[in-house]
Amino acid sequence: MTDCVQVSTATATRDEAVALAGGAVQQRLAAGAQIVGPVVSVFWHLGEYGTGEEWQLLLKTTAERYAELETHLLEQHPWDNPEVCAVPIVGGADGCLDWIRKSVARP
């Protein structure tokens, strides 16, 4: 188990995803982000079944910086109640994990 996590969320448009990811990386809350899309989502929302196209963001950070990244995503996200989930990175190349840690380290 490492001290790094991958955080995911989604937006309705590519531009929203780029803006959300850019802010997180510029503030060093995430080392980097990949934007994938459009993806098809199948979900329950407000008691109703739905499907739709979204742009998925995958951001890398440390467990220590997760709370700040979550706050940023929730405050900057265009949706009222976006999905924000973190999963542990249980293993990875040493160079990659070091890059994540160094990129989000506090000055």
C-alpha atoms as a PDB file:
ATOM      1  CA  MET A   1       0.000   0.000   0.000  1.00  0.00           C
ATOM      2  CA  THR A   2       1.290   3.457  -0.862  1.00  0.00           C
ATOM      3  CA  ASP A   3       0.402   6.886   0.490  1.00  0.00           C
ATOM      4  CA  CYS A   4      -0.980   7.911  -2.928  1.00  0.00           C
ATOM      5  CA  VAL A   5      -4.558   7.948  -4.161  1.00  0.00           C
ATOM      6  CA  GLN A   6      -6.355   8.311  -7.462  1.00  0.00           C
ATOM      7  CA  VAL A   7      -9.357  10.616  -7.318  1.00  0.00           C
ATOM      8  CA  SER A   8     -12.158  10.541  -9.853  1.00  0.00           C
ATOM      9  CA  THR A   9     -14.986  12.857 -10.786  1.00  0.00           C
ATOM     10  CA  ALA A  10     -16.843  13.713 -13.980  1.00  0.00           C
ATOM     11  CA  THR A  11     -18.189  16.766 -15.768  1.00  0.00           C
ATOM     12  CA  ALA A  12     -20.687  17.387 -18.553  1.00  0.00           C
ATOM     13  CA  THR A  13     -18.159  18.893 -20.972  1.00  0.00           C
ATOM     14  CA  ARG A  14     -14.505  18.572 -21.918  1.00  0.00           C
ATOM     15  CA  ASP A  15     -13.889  22.273 -21.176  1.00  0.00           C
ATOM     16  CA  GLU A  16     -15.288  21.903 -17.651  1.00  0.00           C
ATOM     17  CA  ALA A  17     -13.049  18.897 -17.071  1.00  0.00           C
ATOM     18  CA  VAL A  18      -9.943  20.722 -18.309  1.00  0.00           C
ATOM     19  CA  ALA A  19     -10.701  23.748 -16.126  1.00  0.00           C
ATOM     20  CA  LEU A  20     -11.320  21.632 -13.022  1.00  0.00           C
ATOM     21  CA  ALA A  21      -8.181  19.557 -13.557  1.00  0.00           C
ATOM     22  CA  GLY A  22      -6.084  22.606 -14.412  1.00  0.00           C
ATOM     23  CA  GLY A  23      -6.980  24.394 -11.197  1.00  0.00           C
ATOM     24  CA  ALA A  24      -6.174  21.345  -9.084  1.00  0.00           C
ATOM     25  CA  VAL A  25      -2.798  20.786 -10.749  1.00  0.00           C
ATOM     26  CA  GLN A  26      -1.830  24.482 -10.747  1.00  0.00           C
ATOM     27  CA  GLN A  27      -2.538  24.643  -6.998  1.00  0.00           C
ATOM     28  CA  ARG A  28      -0.449  21.475  -6.519  1.00  0.00           C
ATOM     29  CA  LEU A  29      -3.391  19.590  -5.045  1.00  0.00           C
ATOM     30  CA  ALA A  30      -2.873  16.954  -7.737  1.00  0.00           C
ATOM     31  CA  ALA A  31       0.302  15.914  -9.496  1.00  0.00           C
ATOM     32  CA  GLY A  32      -1.536  15.397 -12.740  1.00  0.00           C
ATOM     33  CA  ALA A  33      -4.851  14.478 -14.275  1.00  0.00           C
ATOM     34  CA  GLN A  34      -6.106  12.508 -17.199  1.00  0.00           C
ATOM     35  CA  ILE A  35      -9.368  13.401 -18.870  1.00  0.00           C
ATOM     36  CA  VAL A  36     -11.222  10.599 -20.590  1.00  0.00           C
ATOM     37  CA  GLY A  37     -14.294  10.991 -22.668  1.00  0.00           C
ATOM     38  CA  PRO A  38     -16.836  11.118 -23.478  1.00  0.00           C
ATOM     39  CA  VAL A  39     -17.810   8.123 -21.375  1.00  0.00           C
ATOM     40  CA  VAL A  40     -21.294   6.722 -20.958  1.00  0.00           C
ATOM     41  CA  SER A  41     -22.639   6.765 -17.408  1.00  0.00           C
ATOM     42  CA  VAL A  42     -25.581   4.755 -16.096  1.00  0.00           C
ATOM     43  CA  PHE A  43     -26.872   5.941 -12.720  1.00  0.00           C
ATOM     44  CA  TRP A  44     -29.568   6.755 -10.213  1.00  0.00           C
ATOM     45  CA  HIS A  45     -29.976  10.484  -9.547  1.00  0.00           C
ATOM     46  CA  LEU A  46     -32.698  12.181  -7.508  1.00  0.00           C
ATOM     47  CA  GLY A  47     -34.604   8.899  -7.406  1.00  0.00           C
ATOM     48  CA  GLU A  48     -34.597   8.445 -11.161  1.00  0.00           C
ATOM     49  CA  TYR A  49     -32.712   6.073 -13.422  1.00  0.00           C
ATOM     50  CA  GLY A  50     -30.653   7.760 -16.124  1.00  0.00           C
ATOM     51  CA  THR A  51     -27.877   7.562 -18.658  1.00  0.00           C
ATOM     52  CA  GLY A  52     -25.685  10.236 -20.136  1.00  0.00           C
ATOM     53  CA  GLU A  53     -22.329  11.203 -21.547  1.00  0.00           C
ATOM     54  CA  GLU A  54     -19.708  12.677 -19.249  1.00  0.00           C
ATOM     55  CA  TRP A  55     -15.998  13.491 -19.200  1.00  0.00           C
ATOM     56  CA  GLN A  56     -14.141  11.575 -16.507  1.00  0.00           C
ATOM     57  CA  LEU A  57     -11.236  13.103 -14.572  1.00  0.00           C
ATOM     58  CA  LEU A  58      -8.618  10.927 -12.894  1.00  0.00           C
ATOM     59  CA  LEU A  59      -6.320  12.885 -10.582  1.00  0.00           C
ATOM     60  CA  LYS A  60      -3.280  11.662  -8.624  1.00  0.00           C
ATOM     61  CA  THR A  61      -2.391  12.986  -5.174  1.00  0.00           C
ATOM     62  CA  THR A  62      -1.313  11.828  -1.729  1.00  0.00           C
ATOM     63  CA  ALA A  63      -3.646  10.752   1.051  1.00  0.00           C
ATOM     64  CA  GLU A  64      -2.356  13.750   3.024  1.00  0.00           C
ATOM     65  CA  ARG A  65      -3.525  16.219   0.320  1.00  0.00           C
ATOM     66  CA  TYR A  66      -6.790  14.439  -0.481  1.00  0.00           C
ATOM     67  CA  ALA A  67      -9.028  16.554   1.774  1.00  0.00           C
ATOM     68  CA  GLU A  68      -7.781  19.764   0.152  1.00  0.00           C
ATOM     69  CA  LEU A  69      -8.275  18.333  -3.318  1.00  0.00           C
ATOM     70  CA  GLU A  70     -11.789  17.192  -2.436  1.00  0.00           C
ATOM     71  CA  THR A  71     -12.647  20.660  -1.119  1.00  0.00           C
ATOM     72  CA  HIS A  72     -11.304  22.250  -4.306  1.00  0.00           C
ATOM     73  CA  LEU A  73     -13.278  19.879  -6.530  1.00  0.00           C
ATOM     74  CA  LEU A  74     -16.516  20.393  -4.615  1.00  0.00           C
ATOM     75  CA  GLU A  75     -16.140  24.192  -4.570  1.00  0.00           C
ATOM     76  CA  GLN A  76     -15.133  24.520  -8.239  1.00  0.00           C
ATOM     77  CA  HIS A  77     -17.320  21.819  -9.770  1.00  0.00           C
ATOM     78  CA  PRO A  78     -20.226  23.037 -11.903  1.00  0.00           C
ATOM     79  CA  TRP A  79     -22.590  20.437 -10.391  1.00  0.00           C
ATOM     80  CA  ASP A  80     -24.278  20.820  -6.987  1.00  0.00           C
ATOM     81  CA  ASN A  81     -23.445  17.321  -5.761  1.00  0.00           C
ATOM     82  CA  PRO A  82     -20.702  15.790  -7.910  1.00  0.00           C
ATOM     83  CA  GLU A  83     -19.278  12.344  -7.425  1.00  0.00           C
ATOM     84  CA  VAL A  84     -15.794  12.590  -5.916  1.00  0.00           C
ATOM     85  CA  CYS A  85     -14.186   9.259  -5.029  1.00  0.00           C
ATOM     86  CA  ALA A  86     -10.671   8.295  -4.001  1.00  0.00           C
ATOM     87  CA  VAL A  87      -9.109   4.867  -4.247  1.00  0.00           C
ATOM     88  CA  PRO A  88      -5.713   3.912  -2.850  1.00  0.00           C
ATOM     89  CA  ILE A  89      -2.875   3.291  -5.251  1.00  0.00           C
ATOM     90  CA  VAL A  90      -1.720  -0.008  -3.834  1.00  0.00           C
ATOM     91  CA  GLY A  91       1.399  -0.181  -5.956  1.00  0.00           C
ATOM     92  CA  GLY A  92       3.236   1.637  -8.680  1.00  0.00           C
ATOM     93  CA  ALA A  93       6.607   2.392 -10.193  1.00  0.00           C
ATOM     94  CA  ASP A  94       8.847   4.130  -7.652  1.00  0.00           C
ATOM     95  CA  GLY A  95       9.532   7.007 -10.041  1.00  0.00           C
ATOM     96  CA  CYS A  96       5.832   7.617 -10.602  1.00  0.00           C
ATOM     97  CA  LEU A  97       4.987   7.541  -6.903  1.00  0.00           C
ATOM     98  CA  ASP A  98       7.901   9.868  -6.101  1.00  0.00           C
ATOM     99  CA  TRP A  99       6.664  12.252  -8.826  1.00  0.00           C
ATOM    100  CA  ILE A 100       3.201  12.346  -7.214  1.00  0.00           C
ATOM    101  CA  ARG A 101       4.656  13.031  -3.754  1.00  0.00           C
ATOM    102  CA  LYS A 102       7.063  15.728  -4.952  1.00  0.00           C
ATOM    103  CA  SER A 103       4.469  17.423  -7.136  1.00  0.00           C
ATOM    104  CA  VAL A 104       1.976  17.916  -4.310  1.00  0.00           C
ATOM    105  CA  ALA A 105       4.445  18.535  -1.477  1.00  0.00           C
ATOM    106  CA  ARG A 106       3.882  21.748   0.416  1.00  0.00           C
ATOM    107  CA  PRO A 107       6.630  24.315  -0.226  1.00  0.00           C
END
